[in-house]
N, C-alpha and C. Protein backbone atom coordinates (compact mmCIF):
# COMPACT_ATOMS: atom_id res chain seq x y z
N MET A 1 63.53 65.11 97.11
CA MET A 1 63.03 66.46 96.98
C MET A 1 64.20 67.47 97.09
N ALA A 2 65.19 67.15 97.93
CA ALA A 2 66.36 68.03 98.07
C ALA A 2 67.12 68.13 96.80
N GLU A 3 67.21 66.95 96.06
CA GLU A 3 67.94 66.96 94.81
C GLU A 3 67.21 67.81 93.78
N THR A 4 65.88 67.79 93.81
CA THR A 4 65.13 68.61 92.87
C THR A 4 65.35 70.10 93.10
N LYS A 5 65.34 70.47 94.38
CA LYS A 5 65.56 71.85 94.73
C LYS A 5 66.97 72.29 94.34
N LYS A 6 67.97 71.37 94.63
CA LYS A 6 69.36 71.65 94.27
C LYS A 6 69.47 71.78 92.78
N GLY A 7 68.85 70.89 92.04
CA GLY A 7 68.90 70.87 90.57
C GLY A 7 68.27 72.13 90.03
N LEU A 8 67.14 72.55 90.60
CA LEU A 8 66.45 73.80 90.19
C LEU A 8 67.29 75.00 90.48
N ALA A 9 67.93 74.98 91.67
CA ALA A 9 68.78 76.11 92.04
C ALA A 9 70.02 76.22 91.08
N ALA A 10 70.60 75.08 90.74
CA ALA A 10 71.75 75.09 89.80
C ALA A 10 71.29 75.53 88.42
N GLU A 11 70.14 75.05 88.01
CA GLU A 11 69.60 75.45 86.73
C GLU A 11 69.26 76.94 86.68
N PHE A 12 68.66 77.40 87.78
CA PHE A 12 68.33 78.83 87.87
C PHE A 12 69.63 79.68 87.84
N ARG A 13 70.62 79.27 88.59
CA ARG A 13 71.91 79.96 88.64
C ARG A 13 72.55 79.97 87.25
N GLU A 14 72.53 78.88 86.54
CA GLU A 14 73.01 78.79 85.18
C GLU A 14 72.30 79.77 84.24
N PHE A 15 70.93 79.83 84.42
CA PHE A 15 70.14 80.73 83.59
C PHE A 15 70.53 82.20 83.86
N LEU A 16 70.70 82.51 85.13
CA LEU A 16 71.07 83.90 85.48
C LEU A 16 72.46 84.30 85.02
N MET A 17 73.31 83.37 84.95
CA MET A 17 74.71 83.64 84.55
C MET A 17 74.97 83.54 83.07
N ARG A 18 73.97 83.22 82.31
CA ARG A 18 74.10 83.23 80.84
C ARG A 18 74.50 84.61 80.45
N GLY A 19 75.27 84.70 79.40
CA GLY A 19 75.75 85.99 78.87
C GLY A 19 74.65 86.93 78.55
N ASN A 20 73.55 86.42 77.84
CA ASN A 20 72.53 87.34 77.39
C ASN A 20 71.71 87.94 78.50
N VAL A 21 71.53 87.20 79.59
CA VAL A 21 70.71 87.75 80.72
C VAL A 21 71.50 88.81 81.42
N VAL A 22 72.82 88.54 81.65
CA VAL A 22 73.67 89.51 82.31
C VAL A 22 73.85 90.73 81.41
N GLU A 23 74.06 90.54 80.15
CA GLU A 23 74.26 91.67 79.21
C GLU A 23 72.93 92.52 79.17
N LEU A 24 71.80 91.88 79.20
CA LEU A 24 70.52 92.62 79.19
C LEU A 24 70.43 93.44 80.46
N ALA A 25 70.74 92.87 81.58
CA ALA A 25 70.65 93.67 82.82
C ALA A 25 71.61 94.81 82.80
N VAL A 26 72.82 94.59 82.30
CA VAL A 26 73.79 95.74 82.18
C VAL A 26 73.21 96.78 81.20
N ALA A 27 72.66 96.39 80.10
CA ALA A 27 72.10 97.28 79.12
C ALA A 27 70.98 98.15 79.71
N VAL A 28 70.13 97.50 80.52
CA VAL A 28 69.03 98.22 81.16
C VAL A 28 69.58 99.28 82.11
N VAL A 29 70.55 98.88 82.96
CA VAL A 29 71.12 99.83 83.92
C VAL A 29 71.80 101.00 83.19
N ILE A 30 72.62 100.65 82.20
CA ILE A 30 73.36 101.70 81.46
C ILE A 30 72.36 102.58 80.69
N GLY A 31 71.30 101.95 80.09
CA GLY A 31 70.30 102.73 79.40
C GLY A 31 69.57 103.69 80.29
N THR A 32 69.22 103.22 81.47
CA THR A 32 68.55 104.08 82.45
C THR A 32 69.46 105.29 82.87
N ALA A 33 70.70 105.02 83.16
CA ALA A 33 71.59 106.03 83.58
C ALA A 33 71.83 107.02 82.37
N PHE A 34 71.94 106.51 81.17
CA PHE A 34 72.09 107.34 80.00
C PHE A 34 70.90 108.23 79.80
N GLY A 35 69.74 107.67 80.00
CA GLY A 35 68.50 108.48 79.87
C GLY A 35 68.45 109.58 80.89
N LEU A 36 68.87 109.34 82.08
CA LEU A 36 68.90 110.37 83.17
C LEU A 36 69.89 111.51 82.79
N VAL A 37 71.04 111.07 82.27
CA VAL A 37 72.08 112.10 81.85
C VAL A 37 71.51 112.96 80.73
N VAL A 38 70.90 112.32 79.73
CA VAL A 38 70.33 113.13 78.61
C VAL A 38 69.19 113.99 79.06
N LYS A 39 68.35 113.44 79.95
CA LYS A 39 67.24 114.25 80.51
C LYS A 39 67.76 115.49 81.22
N ALA A 40 68.83 115.36 82.05
CA ALA A 40 69.42 116.44 82.74
C ALA A 40 70.03 117.45 81.73
N PHE A 41 70.67 116.90 80.68
CA PHE A 41 71.22 117.75 79.67
C PHE A 41 70.10 118.62 79.01
N VAL A 42 69.02 118.00 78.68
CA VAL A 42 67.85 118.67 78.07
C VAL A 42 67.34 119.71 79.07
N ALA A 43 67.10 119.35 80.30
CA ALA A 43 66.53 120.27 81.28
C ALA A 43 67.47 121.41 81.60
N ASP A 44 68.78 121.15 81.68
CA ASP A 44 69.71 122.18 82.11
C ASP A 44 70.37 122.97 81.04
N ILE A 45 70.43 122.44 79.81
CA ILE A 45 71.13 123.09 78.71
C ILE A 45 70.18 123.40 77.58
N ILE A 46 69.50 122.44 77.02
CA ILE A 46 68.71 122.65 75.84
C ILE A 46 67.47 123.51 76.09
N THR A 47 66.75 123.16 77.15
CA THR A 47 65.53 123.92 77.50
C THR A 47 65.85 125.39 77.76
N PRO A 48 66.89 125.75 78.51
CA PRO A 48 67.19 127.19 78.64
C PRO A 48 67.53 127.84 77.35
N ILE A 49 68.23 127.15 76.47
CA ILE A 49 68.58 127.76 75.13
C ILE A 49 67.25 128.02 74.40
N ILE A 50 66.36 127.03 74.37
CA ILE A 50 65.07 127.26 73.70
C ILE A 50 64.29 128.38 74.40
N ALA A 51 64.36 128.40 75.73
CA ALA A 51 63.71 129.46 76.47
C ALA A 51 64.26 130.83 76.17
N ALA A 52 65.57 130.92 75.92
CA ALA A 52 66.17 132.16 75.60
C ALA A 52 65.66 132.71 74.23
N ILE A 53 65.37 131.74 73.37
CA ILE A 53 64.88 132.09 72.04
C ILE A 53 63.38 132.47 72.09
N PHE A 54 62.58 131.59 72.79
CA PHE A 54 61.13 131.74 72.74
C PHE A 54 60.60 132.46 74.04
N GLY A 55 61.43 132.62 75.09
CA GLY A 55 61.00 133.35 76.23
C GLY A 55 60.31 132.56 77.33
N LYS A 56 60.24 131.23 77.22
CA LYS A 56 59.59 130.45 78.23
C LYS A 56 60.60 129.44 78.78
N PRO A 57 61.00 129.56 80.09
CA PRO A 57 62.03 128.67 80.69
C PRO A 57 61.62 127.22 80.92
N ASP A 58 60.35 127.01 81.23
CA ASP A 58 59.88 125.64 81.51
C ASP A 58 58.55 125.43 80.74
N PHE A 59 58.59 124.44 79.90
CA PHE A 59 57.40 124.15 79.12
C PHE A 59 56.33 123.32 79.91
N GLY A 60 56.71 122.77 81.07
CA GLY A 60 55.81 121.89 81.81
C GLY A 60 54.53 122.60 82.24
N GLY A 61 54.56 123.91 82.42
CA GLY A 61 53.40 124.64 82.85
C GLY A 61 52.47 125.13 81.72
N LEU A 62 52.83 124.85 80.46
CA LEU A 62 52.00 125.28 79.32
C LEU A 62 50.71 124.40 79.23
N THR A 63 49.59 125.11 79.17
CA THR A 63 48.31 124.41 79.13
C THR A 63 47.39 125.20 78.21
N PHE A 64 46.25 124.59 77.87
CA PHE A 64 45.16 125.31 77.22
C PHE A 64 43.88 124.61 77.73
N THR A 65 42.77 125.31 77.65
CA THR A 65 41.51 124.87 78.19
C THR A 65 40.46 124.87 77.10
N ILE A 66 39.73 123.79 77.02
CA ILE A 66 38.54 123.67 76.09
C ILE A 66 37.43 123.14 76.98
N HIS A 67 36.35 123.88 77.11
CA HIS A 67 35.18 123.52 77.84
C HIS A 67 35.49 122.98 79.24
N LYS A 68 36.27 123.80 79.99
CA LYS A 68 36.68 123.49 81.34
C LYS A 68 37.58 122.26 81.48
N SER A 69 38.15 121.75 80.40
CA SER A 69 39.06 120.69 80.45
C SER A 69 40.44 121.26 80.13
N ARG A 70 41.40 121.03 81.00
CA ARG A 70 42.81 121.56 80.81
C ARG A 70 43.69 120.50 80.15
N PHE A 71 44.41 120.96 79.18
CA PHE A 71 45.36 120.09 78.44
C PHE A 71 46.73 120.60 78.70
N PHE A 72 47.53 119.71 79.31
CA PHE A 72 48.92 120.02 79.70
C PHE A 72 49.86 119.62 78.56
N TYR A 73 50.05 120.44 77.55
CA TYR A 73 50.85 120.12 76.46
C TYR A 73 52.35 120.48 76.66
N GLY A 74 52.66 121.24 77.66
CA GLY A 74 53.99 121.63 77.95
C GLY A 74 54.88 120.46 78.34
N ASP A 75 54.38 119.56 79.17
CA ASP A 75 55.12 118.39 79.57
C ASP A 75 55.39 117.48 78.33
N PHE A 76 54.42 117.40 77.45
CA PHE A 76 54.64 116.68 76.19
C PHE A 76 55.78 117.26 75.40
N ILE A 77 55.84 118.62 75.34
CA ILE A 77 56.94 119.25 74.58
C ILE A 77 58.28 118.92 75.25
N ASN A 78 58.33 118.93 76.58
CA ASN A 78 59.56 118.56 77.28
C ASN A 78 59.99 117.14 76.96
N ASN A 79 59.02 116.22 76.93
CA ASN A 79 59.34 114.82 76.62
C ASN A 79 59.76 114.62 75.17
N VAL A 80 59.19 115.41 74.30
CA VAL A 80 59.56 115.34 72.86
C VAL A 80 60.98 115.78 72.71
N ILE A 81 61.31 116.88 73.37
CA ILE A 81 62.73 117.35 73.32
C ILE A 81 63.71 116.33 73.85
N SER A 82 63.33 115.75 74.98
CA SER A 82 64.18 114.65 75.59
C SER A 82 64.32 113.48 74.63
N PHE A 83 63.27 113.07 74.02
CA PHE A 83 63.29 111.93 73.07
C PHE A 83 64.26 112.28 71.89
N VAL A 84 64.07 113.47 71.36
CA VAL A 84 64.93 113.86 70.24
C VAL A 84 66.40 113.92 70.64
N ALA A 85 66.67 114.43 71.84
CA ALA A 85 68.07 114.45 72.26
C ALA A 85 68.63 113.06 72.54
N ILE A 86 67.85 112.16 73.08
CA ILE A 86 68.30 110.77 73.31
C ILE A 86 68.53 110.09 71.94
N ALA A 87 67.59 110.29 71.03
CA ALA A 87 67.74 109.69 69.72
C ALA A 87 69.00 110.21 69.03
N ALA A 88 69.23 111.50 69.08
CA ALA A 88 70.42 112.09 68.44
C ALA A 88 71.70 111.54 69.14
N ALA A 89 71.71 111.48 70.46
CA ALA A 89 72.88 110.92 71.12
C ALA A 89 73.16 109.49 70.70
N VAL A 90 72.09 108.64 70.65
CA VAL A 90 72.26 107.27 70.28
C VAL A 90 72.76 107.16 68.81
N PHE A 91 72.15 108.01 67.97
CA PHE A 91 72.56 108.01 66.53
C PHE A 91 74.02 108.39 66.35
N PHE A 92 74.43 109.50 66.99
CA PHE A 92 75.82 109.98 66.78
C PHE A 92 76.88 109.23 67.58
N PHE A 93 76.50 108.64 68.70
CA PHE A 93 77.49 108.01 69.52
C PHE A 93 77.48 106.47 69.42
N VAL A 94 76.42 105.88 68.83
CA VAL A 94 76.34 104.47 68.68
C VAL A 94 76.24 104.06 67.22
N VAL A 95 75.18 104.56 66.59
CA VAL A 95 74.85 104.05 65.25
C VAL A 95 75.92 104.47 64.17
N LYS A 96 76.28 105.75 64.23
CA LYS A 96 77.31 106.25 63.28
C LYS A 96 78.64 105.56 63.45
N PRO A 97 79.19 105.36 64.66
CA PRO A 97 80.46 104.68 64.77
C PRO A 97 80.35 103.24 64.33
N ILE A 98 79.29 102.56 64.65
CA ILE A 98 79.13 101.17 64.22
C ILE A 98 79.00 101.05 62.70
N ASN A 99 78.27 101.97 62.05
CA ASN A 99 78.20 102.03 60.60
C ASN A 99 79.58 102.30 60.01
N TYR A 100 80.28 103.23 60.58
CA TYR A 100 81.62 103.56 60.09
C TYR A 100 82.56 102.34 60.21
N MET A 101 82.52 101.59 61.27
CA MET A 101 83.36 100.43 61.39
C MET A 101 82.98 99.33 60.42
N ALA A 102 81.64 99.16 60.23
CA ALA A 102 81.18 98.17 59.27
C ALA A 102 81.59 98.48 57.87
N GLU A 103 81.47 99.75 57.50
CA GLU A 103 81.89 100.23 56.17
C GLU A 103 83.36 100.02 55.99
N ARG A 104 84.13 100.38 56.99
CA ARG A 104 85.59 100.23 56.91
C ARG A 104 85.98 98.78 56.79
N ARG A 105 85.32 97.87 57.50
CA ARG A 105 85.59 96.44 57.36
C ARG A 105 85.22 95.95 56.00
N ALA A 106 84.09 96.44 55.47
CA ALA A 106 83.67 95.97 54.10
C ALA A 106 84.65 96.49 53.09
N ARG A 107 85.16 97.66 53.23
CA ARG A 107 86.19 98.16 52.28
C ARG A 107 87.47 97.37 52.38
N ALA A 108 87.87 96.96 53.57
CA ALA A 108 89.08 96.15 53.74
C ALA A 108 88.84 94.76 53.06
N ARG A 109 87.67 94.21 53.21
CA ARG A 109 87.44 92.91 52.61
C ARG A 109 87.43 93.02 51.07
N ALA A 110 86.83 94.11 50.57
CA ALA A 110 86.75 94.31 49.13
C ALA A 110 88.18 94.53 48.56
N ALA A 111 89.06 95.10 49.36
CA ALA A 111 90.47 95.37 48.89
C ALA A 111 91.27 94.09 49.00
N GLY A 112 90.75 93.03 49.48
CA GLY A 112 91.43 91.73 49.55
C GLY A 112 92.13 91.44 50.84
N ALA A 113 91.86 92.25 51.84
CA ALA A 113 92.47 91.96 53.15
C ALA A 113 91.85 90.77 53.74
N GLU A 114 92.56 90.08 54.59
CA GLU A 114 92.09 88.91 55.26
C GLU A 114 90.93 89.33 56.23
N PRO A 115 89.84 88.53 56.23
CA PRO A 115 88.83 88.86 57.19
C PRO A 115 89.31 88.52 58.61
N GLU A 116 88.77 89.24 59.57
CA GLU A 116 89.16 88.95 60.96
C GLU A 116 88.83 87.52 61.34
N ALA A 117 89.70 86.92 62.09
CA ALA A 117 89.41 85.55 62.54
C ALA A 117 88.25 85.53 63.50
N ALA A 118 87.34 84.61 63.24
CA ALA A 118 86.22 84.49 64.10
C ALA A 118 86.59 83.77 65.34
N THR A 119 86.02 84.17 66.45
CA THR A 119 86.29 83.47 67.70
C THR A 119 85.54 82.17 67.68
N VAL A 120 86.19 81.13 68.07
CA VAL A 120 85.60 79.78 68.11
C VAL A 120 85.50 79.31 69.54
N SER A 121 84.32 78.77 69.86
CA SER A 121 84.12 78.25 71.22
C SER A 121 84.98 77.02 71.44
N ASP A 122 85.16 76.67 72.68
CA ASP A 122 85.97 75.50 72.99
C ASP A 122 85.35 74.24 72.42
N GLU A 123 84.00 74.15 72.44
CA GLU A 123 83.36 72.94 71.91
C GLU A 123 83.64 72.88 70.40
N ALA A 124 83.53 73.98 69.69
CA ALA A 124 83.77 73.99 68.22
C ALA A 124 85.19 73.63 67.91
N ALA A 125 86.13 74.15 68.72
CA ALA A 125 87.56 73.74 68.53
C ALA A 125 87.78 72.28 68.69
N LEU A 126 87.16 71.73 69.78
CA LEU A 126 87.28 70.33 70.09
C LEU A 126 86.65 69.50 68.93
N LEU A 127 85.55 69.88 68.46
CA LEU A 127 84.91 69.16 67.32
C LEU A 127 85.73 69.21 66.07
N ALA A 128 86.39 70.36 65.86
CA ALA A 128 87.28 70.44 64.68
C ALA A 128 88.44 69.53 64.80
N GLU A 129 89.07 69.42 66.03
CA GLU A 129 90.14 68.51 66.24
C GLU A 129 89.72 67.06 65.99
N ILE A 130 88.53 66.69 66.52
CA ILE A 130 88.07 65.36 66.33
C ILE A 130 87.80 65.03 64.86
N ARG A 131 87.26 66.04 64.10
CA ARG A 131 87.05 65.88 62.68
C ARG A 131 88.37 65.64 61.94
N ASP A 132 89.34 66.45 62.29
CA ASP A 132 90.71 66.31 61.66
C ASP A 132 91.34 64.98 61.97
N LEU A 133 91.25 64.50 63.21
CA LEU A 133 91.75 63.16 63.59
C LEU A 133 91.03 62.05 62.84
N LEU A 134 89.74 62.16 62.68
CA LEU A 134 89.00 61.12 61.95
C LEU A 134 89.37 61.13 60.46
N ARG A 135 89.60 62.28 59.88
CA ARG A 135 90.07 62.38 58.53
C ARG A 135 91.44 61.73 58.35
N GLN A 136 92.36 61.99 59.28
CA GLN A 136 93.67 61.37 59.24
C GLN A 136 93.56 59.87 59.35
N ARG A 137 92.72 59.39 60.15
CA ARG A 137 92.52 57.92 60.37
C ARG A 137 92.02 57.26 59.06
N GLN A 138 91.00 57.94 58.46
CA GLN A 138 90.44 57.39 57.25
C GLN A 138 91.43 57.40 56.10
N ALA A 139 92.32 58.45 56.08
CA ALA A 139 93.31 58.52 55.02
C ALA A 139 94.39 57.43 55.13
N SER A 140 94.69 56.99 56.34
CA SER A 140 95.75 55.99 56.54
C SER A 140 95.24 54.59 56.64
C-alpha cells in the first residue's frame, strides 16, 4: 500500500510539473492581474472621460423601473466598457504583434531565407542518432 501511495504521489507530482499545467496556472494568474489592471484603467481613466462627455461619473447607479421592477443597466454598461478595453488591449498588445511576427516570418520564408531551426527534444535527437547509426550499419 505504501508503494501505491508513493507511486500515486510521484505520478501526481509529475502531472503537476508538466509544462502545460504550470503554464495554465501562470496564464490564469497573469490574466487575472491583467484584468484587474484594465478594470482599474477603465474605472479611473475611461469612465471619467466618458463622464466628462455625458455628465455621469459612475454608470453603476443607472436604473429604470417597469411595474415596480428595477433594472440596473448601469453596471452592465461598466462591464461592457471593461470588456471592450480588455479586448482592445489583448488585440493591440498580443494579437497584432503575433500577427506581425508571423507575417514577417512568412515573408522571410518566401524570400528564400532559411526557416528557423526547430527545437528537438532529447528523445527525438537520440532517435535520430540511432537511425543514422542503423543506416551506416546497413550501408557497410
